[in-house]
């Protein structure tokens, strides 16, 4: 089973209430190969919500208490991001997911890039909070940019 960011399957779950629909990714759900998750909603955040970025590191640093997730108006939403990551991991374990396809650049879901914490739209290498927790738990994380390598692997 594969976890998929809800926004990639067309649900309006992004911070601004939009989606990031990708037909080939949504097809995995239609084929019964995937389940949807939105870590930020699972952590208790509303949609829409203020944009947030990891400040002081990456998702692994957040999990280790060395960085925080702050909204652009400086509200600390670290606890919600960690709770969402933990709930996503519970879902992964429940459905025996070995893989995840998550939204790149998200402070939850980024798998190779995240925003740099300055709210200037600059990106840096790193994992979001959920991606970091899933990786620590042995789940391979892909994004909409590289998921085709996963399809080659499982097909």
Protein backbone atom coordinates (compact mmCIF):
# COMPACT_ATOMS: atom_id res chain seq x y z
CA UNK A 1 0.00 0.00 0.00
CA UNK A 2 1.10 3.56 -0.74
CA UNK A 3 0.32 6.72 1.24
CA UNK A 4 -0.53 9.70 -0.96
CA UNK A 5 -0.82 13.36 0.00
CA UNK A 6 -4.51 14.17 -0.34
CA UNK A 7 -3.79 17.29 -2.35
CA UNK A 8 -2.07 15.22 -5.05
CA UNK A 9 -5.29 13.24 -5.53
CA UNK A 10 -7.33 16.42 -5.99
CA UNK A 11 -8.60 17.19 -2.49
CA UNK A 12 -8.47 20.87 -1.51
CA UNK A 13 -6.19 20.36 1.50
CA UNK A 14 -3.28 22.73 0.81
CA UNK A 15 -2.70 25.62 3.19
CA UNK A 16 -4.57 27.95 0.82
CA UNK A 17 -7.47 25.56 0.25
CA UNK A 18 -6.37 24.37 -3.18
CA UNK A 19 -5.14 21.06 -4.54
CA UNK A 20 -2.08 19.85 -6.44
CA UNK A 21 -3.85 17.22 -8.56
CA UNK A 22 -1.71 14.76 -10.50
CA UNK A 23 -3.73 12.31 -12.59
CA UNK A 24 -1.18 9.48 -12.50
CA UNK A 25 -0.94 9.69 -8.71
CA UNK A 26 -4.72 9.82 -8.23
CA UNK A 27 -4.96 6.70 -10.41
CA UNK A 28 -3.17 4.71 -7.69
CA UNK A 29 -6.04 5.49 -5.35
CA UNK A 30 -8.61 4.47 -7.97
CA UNK A 31 -6.71 1.20 -8.45
CA UNK A 32 -6.92 0.43 -4.73
CA UNK A 33 -3.14 0.71 -4.28
CA UNK A 34 -3.15 3.79 -2.05
CA UNK A 35 -4.73 5.66 0.83
CA UNK A 36 -4.89 9.42 1.29
CA UNK A 37 -3.35 11.45 4.11
CA UNK A 38 -3.02 15.12 4.94
CA UNK A 39 -0.63 15.34 7.88
CA UNK A 40 -1.45 18.97 8.60
CA UNK A 41 -5.17 18.24 8.87
CA UNK A 42 -4.43 15.07 10.87
CA UNK A 43 -2.46 17.27 13.26
CA UNK A 44 -5.50 19.48 13.85
CA UNK A 45 -4.83 22.41 11.55
CA UNK A 46 -7.71 23.89 9.53
CA UNK A 47 -7.94 24.41 5.79
CA UNK A 48 -7.27 27.06 4.73
CA UNK A 49 -4.51 27.91 7.22
CA UNK A 50 -1.60 30.35 7.36
CA UNK A 51 1.47 29.17 5.45
CA UNK A 52 4.13 27.60 7.66
CA UNK A 53 7.83 26.85 7.29
CA UNK A 54 10.41 24.99 9.30
CA UNK A 55 12.68 27.46 11.07
CA UNK A 56 16.10 26.39 12.26
CA UNK A 57 16.57 23.14 10.37
CA UNK A 58 14.61 20.36 8.72
CA UNK A 59 11.87 17.91 9.64
CA UNK A 60 14.32 15.65 11.45
CA UNK A 61 15.42 18.63 13.53
CA UNK A 62 11.79 19.33 14.41
CA UNK A 63 11.34 15.72 15.55
CA UNK A 64 14.52 16.03 17.64
CA UNK A 65 13.39 19.30 19.26
CA UNK A 66 16.07 21.38 17.50
CA UNK A 67 13.82 23.34 15.10
CA UNK A 68 10.25 24.66 15.01
CA UNK A 69 7.44 25.03 12.52
CA UNK A 70 6.14 28.60 12.48
CA UNK A 71 3.41 30.27 10.46
CA UNK A 72 4.19 33.42 8.54
CA UNK A 73 2.62 35.37 11.42
CA UNK A 74 5.05 33.63 13.84
CA UNK A 75 2.58 31.23 15.49
CA UNK A 76 4.26 28.03 16.65
CA UNK A 77 2.52 25.03 15.07
CA UNK A 78 5.28 22.53 15.82
CA UNK A 79 3.04 20.36 18.01
CA UNK A 80 0.41 20.10 15.27
CA UNK A 81 3.02 19.11 12.68
CA UNK A 82 4.47 16.43 14.95
CA UNK A 83 0.98 15.13 15.80
CA UNK A 84 0.12 14.98 12.10
CA UNK A 85 3.32 13.06 11.35
CA UNK A 86 2.57 10.60 14.14
CA UNK A 87 -1.01 10.08 12.95
CA UNK A 88 0.22 9.58 9.39
CA UNK A 89 2.65 6.94 10.63
CA UNK A 90 -0.22 5.18 12.46
CA UNK A 91 -2.17 5.06 9.21
CA UNK A 92 0.89 3.74 7.36
CA UNK A 93 1.28 0.95 9.89
CA UNK A 94 -2.43 0.15 9.83
CA UNK A 95 -2.44 -0.36 6.06
CA UNK A 96 1.08 -1.81 5.94
CA UNK A 97 2.32 0.98 3.65
CA UNK A 98 5.87 0.59 2.41
CA UNK A 99 5.88 3.74 0.29
CA UNK A 100 4.56 7.30 0.31
CA UNK A 101 4.12 9.90 -2.42
CA UNK A 102 4.00 13.26 -0.68
CA UNK A 103 3.89 16.89 -1.83
CA UNK A 104 7.35 18.29 -2.43
CA UNK A 105 8.45 21.46 -0.57
CA UNK A 106 5.78 21.15 2.12
CA UNK A 107 6.96 21.53 5.74
CA UNK A 108 5.15 18.24 6.40
CA UNK A 109 5.62 16.33 3.18
CA UNK A 110 8.73 17.62 1.42
CA UNK A 111 10.94 14.69 0.49
CA UNK A 112 13.98 16.42 -1.00
CA UNK A 113 13.23 20.16 -0.66
CA UNK A 114 11.61 22.40 1.94
CA UNK A 115 11.25 26.16 2.19
CA UNK A 116 14.17 27.71 4.06
CA UNK A 117 12.21 29.27 6.95
CA UNK A 118 12.53 32.89 5.78
CA UNK A 119 9.14 33.10 3.98
CA UNK A 120 11.00 34.36 0.90
CA UNK A 121 10.00 31.39 -1.34
CA UNK A 122 13.58 30.10 -1.29
CA UNK A 123 14.00 26.35 -0.96
CA UNK A 124 16.73 24.25 0.58
CA UNK A 125 17.50 20.53 0.65
CA UNK A 126 15.67 18.72 3.43
CA UNK A 127 12.68 16.66 4.55
CA UNK A 128 9.40 17.81 5.99
CA UNK A 129 8.33 16.58 9.44
CA UNK A 130 6.15 13.72 8.19
CA UNK A 131 8.67 12.65 5.56
CA UNK A 132 11.39 12.52 8.20
CA UNK A 133 9.28 10.37 10.55
CA UNK A 134 8.20 8.00 7.78
CA UNK A 135 11.79 7.58 6.62
CA UNK A 136 12.93 6.87 10.18
CA UNK A 137 10.29 4.15 10.26
CA UNK A 138 11.50 2.49 7.05
CA UNK A 139 8.93 3.87 4.63
CA UNK A 140 10.31 5.08 1.29
CA UNK A 141 9.14 8.60 0.50
CA UNK A 142 8.71 9.97 -3.03
CA UNK A 143 7.25 13.20 -4.40
CA UNK A 144 5.26 14.20 -7.44
CA UNK A 145 8.62 14.92 -9.07
CA UNK A 146 10.10 11.41 -8.75
CA UNK A 147 7.18 9.03 -8.14
CA UNK A 148 7.58 7.39 -11.56
CA UNK A 149 10.66 5.57 -10.23
CA UNK A 150 8.36 4.06 -7.60
CA UNK A 151 5.88 2.97 -10.27
CA UNK A 152 8.71 1.25 -12.15
CA UNK A 153 9.63 -0.53 -8.92
CA UNK A 154 6.15 -1.81 -8.01
CA UNK A 155 4.78 -2.61 -11.49
